[in-house]
Amino acid sequence: MAAASSHGHEAVVHSHAHLHVTHYAHASARAGVEHLTSTHAHRHNHAPVQHAHAAHEDAAREHRREAHIHDHGHPAG
């Protein structure tokens, strides 16, 4: 795998199916936390970002499998 390199991504608006995970804490502390999942697709936006990581082999395909933040405060139109 290639070494990490610092780079930027411009703001983007796009659509793809994505997974949401909710942590549900049971009333009984011994019961623990359950992970509730759901999937859906909608247009969403990503703010510009500067970061470093190993080079992508296929950025569009990998993006769909990576955890990432959508700007729900300013959703895509």
C-alpha atoms as a PDB file:
ATOM      1  CA  MET A   1       0.000   0.000   0.000  1.00  0.00           C
ATOM      2  CA  ALA A   2       1.260   3.483  -0.830  1.00  0.00           C
ATOM      3  CA  ALA A   3       2.436   5.880   1.859  1.00  0.00           C
ATOM      4  CA  ALA A   4       0.071   8.512   3.213  1.00  0.00           C
ATOM      5  CA  SER A   5       0.077  11.816   1.366  1.00  0.00           C
ATOM      6  CA  SER A   6      -1.570  15.099   2.303  1.00  0.00           C
ATOM      7  CA  HIS A   7      -4.124  16.333  -0.201  1.00  0.00           C
ATOM      8  CA  GLY A   8      -7.433  18.163  -0.453  1.00  0.00           C
ATOM      9  CA  HIS A   9     -10.897  17.396  -1.755  1.00  0.00           C
ATOM     10  CA  GLU A  10     -13.200  20.129  -3.026  1.00  0.00           C
ATOM     11  CA  ALA A  11     -16.791  20.413  -1.828  1.00  0.00           C
ATOM     12  CA  VAL A  12     -19.045  17.962  -3.656  1.00  0.00           C
ATOM     13  CA  VAL A  13     -22.745  17.116  -3.918  1.00  0.00           C
ATOM     14  CA  HIS A  14     -23.663  13.582  -4.931  1.00  0.00           C
ATOM     15  CA  SER A  15     -25.945  10.620  -4.230  1.00  0.00           C
ATOM     16  CA  HIS A  16     -25.241   7.082  -3.158  1.00  0.00           C
ATOM     17  CA  ALA A  17     -26.733   4.524  -0.809  1.00  0.00           C
ATOM     18  CA  HIS A  18     -25.292   4.755   2.661  1.00  0.00           C
ATOM     19  CA  LEU A  19     -25.615   3.087   6.019  1.00  0.00           C
ATOM     20  CA  HIS A  20     -26.707   4.783   9.229  1.00  0.00           C
ATOM     21  CA  VAL A  21     -25.906   3.270  12.622  1.00  0.00           C
ATOM     22  CA  THR A  22     -27.771   4.246  15.779  1.00  0.00           C
ATOM     23  CA  HIS A  23     -26.453   3.254  19.193  1.00  0.00           C
ATOM     24  CA  TYR A  24     -29.471   2.206  21.282  1.00  0.00           C
ATOM     25  CA  ALA A  25     -28.796   2.042  25.043  1.00  0.00           C
ATOM     26  CA  HIS A  26     -31.098  -0.425  26.770  1.00  0.00           C
ATOM     27  CA  ALA A  27     -32.718   0.557  30.075  1.00  0.00           C
ATOM     28  CA  SER A  28     -30.756  -2.140  31.871  1.00  0.00           C
ATOM     29  CA  ALA A  29     -27.064  -1.310  32.025  1.00  0.00           C
ATOM     30  CA  ARG A  30     -26.298  -5.028  31.825  1.00  0.00           C
ATOM     31  CA  ALA A  31     -28.150  -5.283  28.505  1.00  0.00           C
ATOM     32  CA  GLY A  32     -25.572  -2.949  26.924  1.00  0.00           C
ATOM     33  CA  VAL A  33     -25.850  -1.090  23.655  1.00  0.00           C
ATOM     34  CA  GLU A  34     -27.423  -2.378  20.452  1.00  0.00           C
ATOM     35  CA  HIS A  35     -26.382  -1.208  16.971  1.00  0.00           C
ATOM     36  CA  LEU A  36     -29.464  -0.468  14.859  1.00  0.00           C
ATOM     37  CA  THR A  37     -28.762  -0.037  11.153  1.00  0.00           C
ATOM     38  CA  SER A  38     -30.655   1.286   8.166  1.00  0.00           C
ATOM     39  CA  THR A  39     -29.729   2.164   4.594  1.00  0.00           C
ATOM     40  CA  HIS A  40     -31.080   4.752   2.222  1.00  0.00           C
ATOM     41  CA  ALA A  41     -29.950   7.047  -0.578  1.00  0.00           C
ATOM     42  CA  HIS A  42     -30.324  10.784  -0.982  1.00  0.00           C
ATOM     43  CA  ARG A  43     -28.396  13.724  -2.371  1.00  0.00           C
ATOM     44  CA  HIS A  44     -25.908  14.984   0.184  1.00  0.00           C
ATOM     45  CA  ASN A  45     -22.972  17.291   0.314  1.00  0.00           C
ATOM     46  CA  HIS A  46     -19.471  17.106   1.700  1.00  0.00           C
ATOM     47  CA  ALA A  47     -17.544  20.177   2.796  1.00  0.00           C
ATOM     48  CA  PRO A  48     -14.037  20.653   1.430  1.00  0.00           C
ATOM     49  CA  VAL A  49     -11.414  18.751   3.424  1.00  0.00           C
ATOM     50  CA  GLN A  50      -7.632  18.558   3.695  1.00  0.00           C
ATOM     51  CA  HIS A  51      -6.277  15.248   5.016  1.00  0.00           C
ATOM     52  CA  ALA A  52      -3.693  12.516   4.553  1.00  0.00           C
ATOM     53  CA  HIS A  53      -4.108   8.810   3.829  1.00  0.00           C
ATOM     54  CA  ALA A  54      -2.801   6.087   1.567  1.00  0.00           C
ATOM     55  CA  ALA A  55      -3.626   6.624  -2.079  1.00  0.00           C
ATOM     56  CA  HIS A  56      -6.996   5.410  -3.371  1.00  0.00           C
ATOM     57  CA  GLU A  57      -7.118   2.657  -5.943  1.00  0.00           C
ATOM     58  CA  ASP A  58     -10.701   3.607  -6.936  1.00  0.00           C
ATOM     59  CA  ALA A  59     -11.853   6.682  -4.995  1.00  0.00           C
ATOM     60  CA  ALA A  60     -15.523   6.579  -6.085  1.00  0.00           C
ATOM     61  CA  ARG A  61     -15.936   2.907  -5.149  1.00  0.00           C
ATOM     62  CA  GLU A  62     -14.013   3.250  -1.875  1.00  0.00           C
ATOM     63  CA  HIS A  63     -16.009   6.333  -0.799  1.00  0.00           C
ATOM     64  CA  ARG A  64     -19.195   4.259  -0.645  1.00  0.00           C
ATOM     65  CA  ARG A  65     -17.568   1.915   1.893  1.00  0.00           C
ATOM     66  CA  GLU A  66     -15.878   4.528   4.087  1.00  0.00           C
ATOM     67  CA  ALA A  67     -17.367   6.201   7.125  1.00  0.00           C
ATOM     68  CA  HIS A  68     -17.809   9.895   6.339  1.00  0.00           C
ATOM     69  CA  ILE A  69     -19.736  12.930   7.499  1.00  0.00           C
ATOM     70  CA  HIS A  70     -22.516  14.578   5.541  1.00  0.00           C
ATOM     71  CA  ASP A  71     -23.256  18.249   6.096  1.00  0.00           C
ATOM     72  CA  HIS A  72     -26.790  17.824   7.481  1.00  0.00           C
ATOM     73  CA  GLY A  73     -26.749  21.437   8.715  1.00  0.00           C
ATOM     74  CA  HIS A  74     -26.646  22.572   5.077  1.00  0.00           C
ATOM     75  CA  PRO A  75     -28.178  19.690   3.081  1.00  0.00           C
ATOM     76  CA  ALA A  76     -27.962  19.464  -0.669  1.00  0.00           C
ATOM     77  CA  GLY A  77     -30.920  20.867  -2.584  1.00  0.00           C
END
